[in-house]
Amino acid sequence: MSISAWNDARVGAVLIDRKGRRTGWNVDRPIDEIPGCVYGSGSDEGIPEEWWLPEDTTEVALPETVGIDTAFVRVPAPQPTPKFHEFDIFNDIVTPVGLIDQGGCELRLDPVVGGKVQLTLSATGVGFNMCKDTTSVWVRPGAPSRWRLSWKAAGDKCTVKISRIAGKRSSSSSR
């Protein structure tokens, strides 16, 4: 799964599995909760991949707790929202049954800067060529959207699909 922003558009992008675990961009930093799902991001300005970021050594003192005078924890520094997001979903020896076996998940887009973004879902596997679905959408800040990503492979065929999940509408009437 990849998300590419055009011009100045920027969105937070998070995959959510059936158990509610999330992987992707969480407000101002990456989050990684889904086994078998690897997330990467970047931008034209050179926001580095997560593994290129220098180790953050910021320490914050916590209030006194029972029997402890002071404690220190690392607090990651906030990062700007990237323009590009990439999710690789797979099974391996460590994750023999993971997100890929669920046949789909939810994608949540949280726009920070309005514009147009392209969503691309592709699958490759043994015995079939790549199958792909692509769509573009205009986004605006304060208007998150939800998408259903689904995939299926059987024999030498595969199917992938991106579909928008309808938002809840308020039912108010004015007379």
N, C-alpha and C. Protein backbone atom coordinates (compact mmCIF):
# COMPACT_ATOMS: atom_id res chain seq x y z
N MET A 1 0.86 -1.17 0.00
CA MET A 1 0.00 0.00 0.00
C MET A 1 0.89 1.22 0.00
N SER A 2 0.60 2.17 -0.88
CA SER A 2 1.35 3.42 -0.86
C SER A 2 0.39 4.60 -0.99
N ILE A 3 0.77 5.70 -0.36
CA ILE A 3 0.02 6.95 -0.43
C ILE A 3 1.00 8.01 -0.87
N SER A 4 0.67 8.71 -1.96
CA SER A 4 1.53 9.77 -2.49
C SER A 4 0.74 11.06 -2.55
N ALA A 5 1.30 12.13 -2.01
CA ALA A 5 0.65 13.43 -2.04
C ALA A 5 1.13 14.23 -3.23
N TRP A 6 0.24 15.01 -3.81
CA TRP A 6 0.59 15.89 -4.92
C TRP A 6 0.78 17.30 -4.37
N ASN A 7 1.73 18.01 -4.93
CA ASN A 7 2.02 19.38 -4.53
C ASN A 7 2.29 19.46 -3.03
N ASP A 8 1.53 20.26 -2.29
CA ASP A 8 1.80 20.47 -0.87
C ASP A 8 0.92 19.64 0.06
N ALA A 9 0.06 18.78 -0.49
CA ALA A 9 -0.84 17.99 0.36
C ALA A 9 -0.05 17.10 1.31
N ARG A 10 -0.59 16.96 2.52
CA ARG A 10 0.03 16.08 3.53
C ARG A 10 -1.09 15.44 4.34
N VAL A 11 -0.98 14.12 4.51
CA VAL A 11 -1.96 13.40 5.32
C VAL A 11 -1.25 12.45 6.26
N GLY A 12 -1.83 12.27 7.43
CA GLY A 12 -1.42 11.16 8.28
C GLY A 12 -2.12 9.93 7.72
N ALA A 13 -1.46 8.79 7.70
CA ALA A 13 -2.04 7.56 7.16
C ALA A 13 -1.79 6.43 8.13
N VAL A 14 -2.86 5.74 8.53
CA VAL A 14 -2.76 4.65 9.49
C VAL A 14 -3.57 3.46 9.01
N LEU A 15 -2.96 2.27 9.04
CA LEU A 15 -3.69 1.03 8.81
C LEU A 15 -4.18 0.53 10.15
N ILE A 16 -5.41 0.00 10.18
CA ILE A 16 -6.00 -0.52 11.40
C ILE A 16 -6.49 -1.94 11.12
N ASP A 17 -6.02 -2.91 11.91
CA ASP A 17 -6.43 -4.30 11.69
C ASP A 17 -7.70 -4.61 12.48
N ARG A 18 -8.17 -5.84 12.38
CA ARG A 18 -9.42 -6.25 13.04
C ARG A 18 -9.37 -6.14 14.56
N LYS A 19 -8.18 -6.20 15.12
CA LYS A 19 -8.03 -6.10 16.57
C LYS A 19 -7.87 -4.66 17.04
N GLY A 20 -7.89 -3.70 16.11
CA GLY A 20 -7.75 -2.30 16.47
C GLY A 20 -6.31 -1.83 16.56
N ARG A 21 -5.35 -2.70 16.25
CA ARG A 21 -3.95 -2.29 16.27
C ARG A 21 -3.68 -1.40 15.06
N ARG A 22 -2.73 -0.45 15.25
CA ARG A 22 -2.45 0.53 14.21
C ARG A 22 -0.97 0.55 13.84
N THR A 23 -0.74 0.81 12.57
CA THR A 23 0.61 1.04 12.07
C THR A 23 0.54 2.16 11.05
N GLY A 24 1.45 3.12 11.14
CA GLY A 24 1.47 4.24 10.20
C GLY A 24 1.88 5.53 10.89
N TRP A 25 1.24 6.63 10.48
CA TRP A 25 1.57 7.95 11.00
C TRP A 25 0.54 8.35 12.04
N ASN A 26 0.97 8.53 13.28
CA ASN A 26 0.10 8.84 14.40
C ASN A 26 0.34 10.28 14.85
N VAL A 27 -0.39 11.23 14.34
CA VAL A 27 -0.35 12.66 14.65
C VAL A 27 1.00 13.30 14.29
N ASP A 28 2.06 12.96 15.02
CA ASP A 28 3.36 13.60 14.76
C ASP A 28 4.53 12.64 14.82
N ARG A 29 4.26 11.35 14.70
CA ARG A 29 5.34 10.35 14.72
C ARG A 29 4.80 9.01 14.23
N PRO A 30 5.71 8.13 13.81
CA PRO A 30 5.28 6.80 13.36
C PRO A 30 4.81 5.93 14.53
N ILE A 31 3.92 5.00 14.21
CA ILE A 31 3.44 4.03 15.20
C ILE A 31 3.51 2.65 14.55
N ASP A 32 3.84 1.62 15.33
CA ASP A 32 4.04 0.28 14.78
C ASP A 32 3.46 -0.75 15.73
N GLU A 33 2.21 -1.16 15.50
CA GLU A 33 1.56 -2.13 16.38
C GLU A 33 1.15 -3.42 15.66
N ILE A 34 1.06 -3.42 14.33
CA ILE A 34 0.54 -4.58 13.60
C ILE A 34 1.69 -5.50 13.18
N PRO A 35 1.68 -6.73 13.67
CA PRO A 35 2.71 -7.68 13.23
C PRO A 35 2.59 -7.95 11.73
N GLY A 36 3.71 -8.08 11.05
CA GLY A 36 3.69 -8.36 9.62
C GLY A 36 3.38 -7.16 8.76
N CYS A 37 3.49 -5.96 9.33
CA CYS A 37 3.24 -4.73 8.57
C CYS A 37 4.40 -3.78 8.86
N VAL A 38 5.14 -3.42 7.81
CA VAL A 38 6.28 -2.52 7.95
C VAL A 38 5.91 -1.18 7.33
N TYR A 39 6.15 -0.09 8.06
CA TYR A 39 5.79 1.25 7.62
C TYR A 39 7.04 2.08 7.32
N GLY A 40 6.97 2.85 6.27
CA GLY A 40 8.02 3.80 5.93
C GLY A 40 7.39 5.06 5.39
N SER A 41 8.09 6.20 5.51
CA SER A 41 7.54 7.47 5.04
C SER A 41 8.66 8.38 4.59
N GLY A 42 8.30 9.45 3.90
CA GLY A 42 9.29 10.40 3.45
C GLY A 42 8.62 11.61 2.81
N SER A 43 9.44 12.52 2.30
CA SER A 43 8.91 13.71 1.63
C SER A 43 9.96 14.25 0.67
N ASP A 44 9.54 15.19 -0.17
CA ASP A 44 10.47 15.84 -1.09
C ASP A 44 11.55 16.60 -0.33
N GLU A 45 11.20 17.09 0.87
CA GLU A 45 12.15 17.87 1.66
C GLU A 45 13.15 16.99 2.37
N GLY A 46 12.99 15.68 2.26
CA GLY A 46 13.96 14.78 2.84
C GLY A 46 13.67 14.34 4.25
N ILE A 47 12.39 14.26 4.66
CA ILE A 47 12.11 13.65 5.95
C ILE A 47 12.63 12.23 5.85
N PRO A 48 13.55 11.85 6.71
CA PRO A 48 14.20 10.55 6.57
C PRO A 48 13.28 9.39 6.96
N GLU A 49 13.63 8.22 6.47
CA GLU A 49 12.97 7.01 6.92
C GLU A 49 13.22 6.88 8.41
N GLU A 50 12.38 6.18 9.11
CA GLU A 50 12.47 6.06 10.56
C GLU A 50 13.83 5.54 11.01
N TRP A 51 14.41 4.56 10.30
CA TRP A 51 15.67 3.99 10.74
C TRP A 51 16.86 4.94 10.52
N TRP A 52 16.67 6.06 9.82
CA TRP A 52 17.75 7.02 9.62
C TRP A 52 17.72 8.14 10.66
N LEU A 53 16.67 8.19 11.45
CA LEU A 53 16.57 9.26 12.46
C LEU A 53 17.61 9.05 13.56
N PRO A 54 18.26 10.13 14.00
CA PRO A 54 19.21 9.98 15.11
C PRO A 54 18.44 9.63 16.38
N GLU A 55 19.10 8.91 17.27
CA GLU A 55 18.46 8.53 18.51
C GLU A 55 18.16 9.78 19.33
N ASP A 56 16.91 9.87 19.81
CA ASP A 56 16.50 11.01 20.62
C ASP A 56 16.90 10.74 22.07
N THR A 57 17.66 11.64 22.63
CA THR A 57 18.12 11.45 24.01
C THR A 57 17.46 12.43 24.97
N THR A 58 16.35 13.04 24.55
CA THR A 58 15.62 13.96 25.42
C THR A 58 15.13 13.19 26.64
N GLU A 59 15.39 13.71 27.84
CA GLU A 59 14.92 13.08 29.05
C GLU A 59 13.98 14.03 29.77
N VAL A 60 12.92 13.45 30.30
CA VAL A 60 11.93 14.25 31.00
C VAL A 60 11.80 13.68 32.41
N ALA A 61 11.86 14.53 33.40
CA ALA A 61 11.71 14.09 34.79
C ALA A 61 10.23 13.87 35.08
N LEU A 62 9.92 12.73 35.68
CA LEU A 62 8.55 12.44 36.07
C LEU A 62 8.35 12.86 37.51
N PRO A 63 7.11 13.12 37.91
CA PRO A 63 6.87 13.47 39.31
C PRO A 63 7.25 12.30 40.21
N GLU A 64 7.50 12.61 41.47
CA GLU A 64 7.88 11.56 42.41
C GLU A 64 6.79 10.50 42.49
N THR A 65 7.23 9.26 42.59
CA THR A 65 6.30 8.15 42.76
C THR A 65 6.72 7.38 43.99
N VAL A 66 5.95 6.37 44.35
CA VAL A 66 6.21 5.61 45.57
C VAL A 66 7.62 5.03 45.56
N GLY A 67 8.45 5.48 46.48
CA GLY A 67 9.79 4.96 46.64
C GLY A 67 10.81 5.37 45.59
N ILE A 68 10.42 6.22 44.65
CA ILE A 68 11.35 6.64 43.60
C ILE A 68 11.44 8.16 43.64
N ASP A 69 12.67 8.69 43.75
CA ASP A 69 12.84 10.13 43.78
C ASP A 69 12.59 10.74 42.40
N THR A 70 13.26 10.24 41.41
CA THR A 70 13.08 10.76 40.05
C THR A 70 13.24 9.62 39.06
N ALA A 71 12.54 9.74 37.98
CA ALA A 71 12.66 8.75 36.90
C ALA A 71 12.81 9.51 35.59
N PHE A 72 13.52 8.92 34.66
CA PHE A 72 13.71 9.55 33.37
C PHE A 72 13.20 8.62 32.27
N VAL A 73 12.52 9.22 31.28
CA VAL A 73 12.05 8.45 30.13
C VAL A 73 12.42 9.20 28.86
N ARG A 74 12.61 8.45 27.79
CA ARG A 74 12.86 9.08 26.49
C ARG A 74 11.54 9.51 25.87
N VAL A 75 11.47 10.73 25.39
CA VAL A 75 10.29 11.25 24.73
C VAL A 75 10.68 11.60 23.30
N PRO A 76 10.11 10.89 22.30
CA PRO A 76 10.49 11.20 20.92
C PRO A 76 10.03 12.60 20.53
N ALA A 77 10.85 13.27 19.77
CA ALA A 77 10.52 14.62 19.31
C ALA A 77 9.44 14.54 18.22
N PRO A 78 8.49 15.48 18.21
CA PRO A 78 7.48 15.50 17.15
C PRO A 78 8.14 15.68 15.78
N GLN A 79 7.52 15.12 14.75
CA GLN A 79 8.05 15.20 13.39
C GLN A 79 6.98 15.77 12.47
N PRO A 80 7.37 16.45 11.39
CA PRO A 80 6.38 16.95 10.44
C PRO A 80 5.73 15.81 9.68
N THR A 81 4.48 16.00 9.29
CA THR A 81 3.74 14.98 8.54
C THR A 81 4.39 14.75 7.18
N PRO A 82 4.69 13.50 6.83
CA PRO A 82 5.33 13.23 5.54
C PRO A 82 4.35 13.31 4.37
N LYS A 83 4.89 13.39 3.15
CA LYS A 83 4.08 13.42 1.94
C LYS A 83 3.81 12.03 1.39
N PHE A 84 4.70 11.10 1.68
CA PHE A 84 4.60 9.76 1.13
C PHE A 84 4.59 8.72 2.25
N HIS A 85 3.72 7.73 2.11
CA HIS A 85 3.63 6.65 3.09
C HIS A 85 3.69 5.32 2.34
N GLU A 86 4.37 4.36 2.91
CA GLU A 86 4.50 3.04 2.29
C GLU A 86 4.29 1.98 3.37
N PHE A 87 3.40 1.02 3.08
CA PHE A 87 3.14 -0.08 3.98
C PHE A 87 3.44 -1.38 3.24
N ASP A 88 4.29 -2.21 3.81
CA ASP A 88 4.56 -3.54 3.26
C ASP A 88 3.93 -4.55 4.21
N ILE A 89 3.03 -5.36 3.66
CA ILE A 89 2.30 -6.34 4.46
C ILE A 89 2.76 -7.72 4.00
N PHE A 90 3.14 -8.58 4.96
CA PHE A 90 3.70 -9.88 4.59
C PHE A 90 3.56 -10.89 5.72
N ASN A 91 3.74 -12.14 5.37
CA ASN A 91 3.90 -13.21 6.35
C ASN A 91 5.34 -13.67 6.28
N ASP A 92 5.90 -14.01 7.39
CA ASP A 92 7.25 -14.55 7.42
C ASP A 92 7.34 -15.59 8.53
N ILE A 93 8.52 -16.05 8.81
CA ILE A 93 8.70 -17.08 9.83
C ILE A 93 8.31 -16.58 11.22
N VAL A 94 8.49 -15.28 11.47
CA VAL A 94 8.14 -14.70 12.76
C VAL A 94 6.64 -14.42 12.85
N THR A 95 6.03 -14.04 11.73
CA THR A 95 4.61 -13.72 11.67
C THR A 95 3.94 -14.64 10.64
N PRO A 96 3.77 -15.93 10.96
CA PRO A 96 3.20 -16.85 9.97
C PRO A 96 1.73 -16.55 9.65
N VAL A 97 1.00 -15.99 10.59
CA VAL A 97 -0.39 -15.60 10.34
C VAL A 97 -0.51 -14.16 10.81
N GLY A 98 -0.68 -13.25 9.86
CA GLY A 98 -0.73 -11.83 10.21
C GLY A 98 -1.80 -11.10 9.44
N LEU A 99 -1.58 -9.82 9.24
CA LEU A 99 -2.55 -8.96 8.56
C LEU A 99 -2.88 -9.47 7.17
N ILE A 100 -1.92 -10.01 6.48
CA ILE A 100 -2.17 -10.49 5.11
C ILE A 100 -3.25 -11.56 5.09
N ASP A 101 -3.31 -12.38 6.14
CA ASP A 101 -4.31 -13.46 6.22
C ASP A 101 -5.71 -12.94 6.55
N GLN A 102 -5.81 -11.71 7.04
CA GLN A 102 -7.13 -11.14 7.35
C GLN A 102 -7.87 -10.73 6.08
N GLY A 103 -7.16 -10.63 4.96
CA GLY A 103 -7.81 -10.30 3.69
C GLY A 103 -8.18 -8.84 3.54
N GLY A 104 -7.76 -8.01 4.48
CA GLY A 104 -8.05 -6.59 4.37
C GLY A 104 -7.88 -5.87 5.68
N CYS A 105 -8.04 -4.55 5.63
CA CYS A 105 -7.93 -3.72 6.82
C CYS A 105 -8.52 -2.35 6.49
N GLU A 106 -8.53 -1.49 7.48
CA GLU A 106 -8.99 -0.11 7.28
C GLU A 106 -7.79 0.80 7.12
N LEU A 107 -7.91 1.78 6.25
CA LEU A 107 -6.93 2.85 6.10
C LEU A 107 -7.61 4.13 6.53
N ARG A 108 -6.99 4.85 7.45
CA ARG A 108 -7.53 6.14 7.89
C ARG A 108 -6.58 7.24 7.43
N LEU A 109 -7.13 8.23 6.73
CA LEU A 109 -6.36 9.40 6.30
C LEU A 109 -6.78 10.61 7.12
N ASP A 110 -5.81 11.29 7.70
CA ASP A 110 -6.05 12.51 8.48
C ASP A 110 -5.28 13.65 7.83
N PRO A 111 -5.95 14.44 6.98
CA PRO A 111 -5.27 15.52 6.25
C PRO A 111 -4.78 16.63 7.18
N VAL A 112 -3.54 17.07 6.92
CA VAL A 112 -2.93 18.18 7.65
C VAL A 112 -2.88 19.39 6.72
N VAL A 113 -2.54 19.15 5.45
CA VAL A 113 -2.54 20.18 4.40
C VAL A 113 -3.38 19.64 3.26
N GLY A 114 -4.36 20.42 2.81
CA GLY A 114 -5.28 19.98 1.77
C GLY A 114 -4.61 19.81 0.41
N GLY A 115 -5.25 19.02 -0.43
CA GLY A 115 -4.76 18.77 -1.78
C GLY A 115 -5.20 17.41 -2.26
N LYS A 116 -4.48 16.89 -3.22
CA LYS A 116 -4.84 15.61 -3.82
C LYS A 116 -3.82 14.55 -3.43
N VAL A 117 -4.30 13.37 -3.05
CA VAL A 117 -3.43 12.25 -2.74
C VAL A 117 -3.85 11.04 -3.57
N GLN A 118 -2.87 10.20 -3.87
CA GLN A 118 -3.13 8.98 -4.63
C GLN A 118 -2.91 7.78 -3.72
N LEU A 119 -3.87 6.85 -3.74
CA LEU A 119 -3.79 5.62 -2.98
C LEU A 119 -3.55 4.48 -3.95
N THR A 120 -2.56 3.64 -3.67
CA THR A 120 -2.25 2.51 -4.54
C THR A 120 -2.10 1.26 -3.69
N LEU A 121 -2.88 0.24 -4.02
CA LEU A 121 -2.81 -1.04 -3.34
C LEU A 121 -2.40 -2.07 -4.38
N SER A 122 -1.31 -2.78 -4.12
CA SER A 122 -0.85 -3.79 -5.08
C SER A 122 -0.47 -5.06 -4.33
N ALA A 123 -0.56 -6.19 -5.06
CA ALA A 123 -0.21 -7.48 -4.48
C ALA A 123 0.61 -8.27 -5.48
N THR A 124 1.58 -8.98 -4.98
CA THR A 124 2.36 -9.90 -5.81
C THR A 124 2.46 -11.22 -5.05
N GLY A 125 2.66 -12.28 -5.78
CA GLY A 125 2.76 -13.57 -5.12
C GLY A 125 3.24 -14.64 -6.07
N VAL A 126 3.42 -15.82 -5.52
CA VAL A 126 3.88 -16.95 -6.31
C VAL A 126 2.76 -17.38 -7.25
N GLY A 127 3.06 -17.49 -8.53
CA GLY A 127 2.10 -17.99 -9.50
C GLY A 127 1.24 -16.95 -10.17
N PHE A 128 1.36 -15.67 -9.79
CA PHE A 128 0.59 -14.64 -10.48
C PHE A 128 1.39 -13.35 -10.57
N ASN A 129 1.04 -12.57 -11.58
CA ASN A 129 1.66 -11.26 -11.72
C ASN A 129 1.01 -10.29 -10.75
N MET A 130 1.54 -9.10 -10.66
CA MET A 130 1.02 -8.10 -9.75
C MET A 130 -0.39 -7.68 -10.14
N CYS A 131 -1.25 -7.54 -9.15
CA CYS A 131 -2.57 -6.93 -9.38
C CYS A 131 -2.60 -5.64 -8.57
N LYS A 132 -3.36 -4.65 -9.05
CA LYS A 132 -3.28 -3.33 -8.45
C LYS A 132 -4.60 -2.59 -8.58
N ASP A 133 -4.89 -1.75 -7.57
CA ASP A 133 -6.01 -0.82 -7.61
C ASP A 133 -5.47 0.53 -7.18
N THR A 134 -5.89 1.58 -7.88
CA THR A 134 -5.42 2.93 -7.61
C THR A 134 -6.60 3.88 -7.62
N THR A 135 -6.58 4.84 -6.72
CA THR A 135 -7.59 5.90 -6.73
C THR A 135 -6.95 7.19 -6.22
N SER A 136 -7.49 8.31 -6.64
CA SER A 136 -7.04 9.62 -6.16
C SER A 136 -8.20 10.30 -5.45
N VAL A 137 -7.87 11.10 -4.45
CA VAL A 137 -8.89 11.77 -3.67
C VAL A 137 -8.39 13.15 -3.25
N TRP A 138 -9.31 14.12 -3.26
CA TRP A 138 -9.00 15.46 -2.74
C TRP A 138 -9.26 15.43 -1.24
N VAL A 139 -8.33 15.97 -0.47
CA VAL A 139 -8.46 16.00 0.99
C VAL A 139 -8.38 17.43 1.49
N ARG A 140 -8.97 17.64 2.66
CA ARG A 140 -8.86 18.96 3.30
C ARG A 140 -8.71 18.76 4.80
N PRO A 141 -7.93 19.65 5.44
CA PRO A 141 -7.70 19.53 6.88
C PRO A 141 -9.01 19.49 7.66
N GLY A 142 -9.04 18.68 8.69
CA GLY A 142 -10.23 18.57 9.52
C GLY A 142 -11.30 17.65 8.95
N ALA A 143 -11.04 17.02 7.81
CA ALA A 143 -12.00 16.11 7.20
C ALA A 143 -11.34 14.74 6.96
N PRO A 144 -11.19 13.94 8.02
CA PRO A 144 -10.57 12.63 7.85
C PRO A 144 -11.45 11.72 6.99
N SER A 145 -10.83 10.72 6.38
CA SER A 145 -11.59 9.75 5.59
C SER A 145 -11.14 8.35 5.96
N ARG A 146 -12.04 7.40 5.73
CA ARG A 146 -11.77 6.00 6.03
C ARG A 146 -11.94 5.20 4.75
N TRP A 147 -11.05 4.21 4.58
CA TRP A 147 -11.03 3.39 3.37
C TRP A 147 -10.92 1.93 3.76
N ARG A 148 -11.58 1.08 3.00
CA ARG A 148 -11.45 -0.37 3.18
C ARG A 148 -10.49 -0.88 2.12
N LEU A 149 -9.44 -1.54 2.55
CA LEU A 149 -8.49 -2.17 1.65
C LEU A 149 -8.74 -3.67 1.74
N SER A 150 -8.89 -4.32 0.59
CA SER A 150 -9.11 -5.77 0.62
C SER A 150 -8.25 -6.44 -0.44
N TRP A 151 -7.87 -7.69 -0.17
CA TRP A 151 -7.03 -8.45 -1.08
C TRP A 151 -7.37 -9.92 -0.95
N LYS A 152 -7.17 -10.63 -2.07
CA LYS A 152 -7.40 -12.07 -2.10
C LYS A 152 -6.55 -12.68 -3.19
N ALA A 153 -5.92 -13.79 -2.88
CA ALA A 153 -5.14 -14.51 -3.87
C ALA A 153 -5.55 -15.98 -3.82
N ALA A 154 -5.76 -16.55 -4.99
CA ALA A 154 -6.10 -17.97 -5.09
C ALA A 154 -5.52 -18.50 -6.39
N GLY A 155 -4.74 -19.55 -6.27
CA GLY A 155 -4.12 -20.13 -7.47
C GLY A 155 -3.23 -19.12 -8.16
N ASP A 156 -3.52 -18.86 -9.43
CA ASP A 156 -2.71 -17.91 -10.20
C ASP A 156 -3.41 -16.56 -10.38
N LYS A 157 -4.42 -16.26 -9.55
CA LYS A 157 -5.17 -15.01 -9.66
C LYS A 157 -5.14 -14.24 -8.35
N CYS A 158 -5.24 -12.92 -8.47
CA CYS A 158 -5.35 -12.10 -7.27
C CYS A 158 -6.30 -10.94 -7.55
N THR A 159 -6.88 -10.43 -6.47
CA THR A 159 -7.78 -9.30 -6.55
C THR A 159 -7.47 -8.36 -5.40
N VAL A 160 -7.38 -7.07 -5.67
CA VAL A 160 -7.23 -6.06 -4.63
C VAL A 160 -8.26 -4.97 -4.88
N LYS A 161 -8.69 -4.32 -3.80
CA LYS A 161 -9.70 -3.28 -3.96
C LYS A 161 -9.55 -2.21 -2.88
N ILE A 162 -9.72 -0.96 -3.29
CA ILE A 162 -9.76 0.19 -2.39
C ILE A 162 -11.17 0.75 -2.47
N SER A 163 -11.87 0.85 -1.34
CA SER A 163 -13.22 1.42 -1.36
C SER A 163 -13.40 2.33 -0.15
N ARG A 164 -14.09 3.43 -0.38
CA ARG A 164 -14.32 4.41 0.69
C ARG A 164 -15.39 3.89 1.63
N ILE A 165 -15.15 4.09 2.93
CA ILE A 165 -16.13 3.74 3.95
C ILE A 165 -16.95 5.00 4.19
N ALA A 166 -18.25 4.89 4.00
CA ALA A 166 -19.12 6.05 4.17
C ALA A 166 -19.08 6.53 5.61
N GLY A 167 -19.00 7.85 5.78
CA GLY A 167 -18.99 8.44 7.12
C GLY A 167 -20.39 8.54 7.67
N LYS A 168 -20.47 8.68 8.98
CA LYS A 168 -21.76 8.84 9.64
C LYS A 168 -22.26 10.25 9.37
N ARG A 169 -23.49 10.35 9.01
CA ARG A 169 -24.09 11.66 8.78
C ARG A 169 -25.04 11.98 9.91
N SER A 170 -25.01 13.22 10.34
CA SER A 170 -25.92 13.60 11.40
C SER A 170 -27.30 13.85 10.79
N SER A 171 -28.30 13.44 11.51
CA SER A 171 -29.66 13.64 11.01
C SER A 171 -30.32 14.77 11.79
N SER A 172 -30.16 15.95 11.27
CA SER A 172 -30.79 17.11 11.90
C SER A 172 -31.69 17.78 10.88
N SER A 173 -32.82 18.17 11.31
CA SER A 173 -33.75 18.82 10.38
C SER A 173 -34.04 20.23 10.88
N SER A 174 -34.13 21.14 9.95
CA SER A 174 -34.47 22.51 10.31
C SER A 174 -35.78 22.88 9.64
N ARG A 175 -36.64 23.50 10.37
CA ARG A 175 -37.95 23.89 9.83
C ARG A 175 -38.16 25.34 9.99
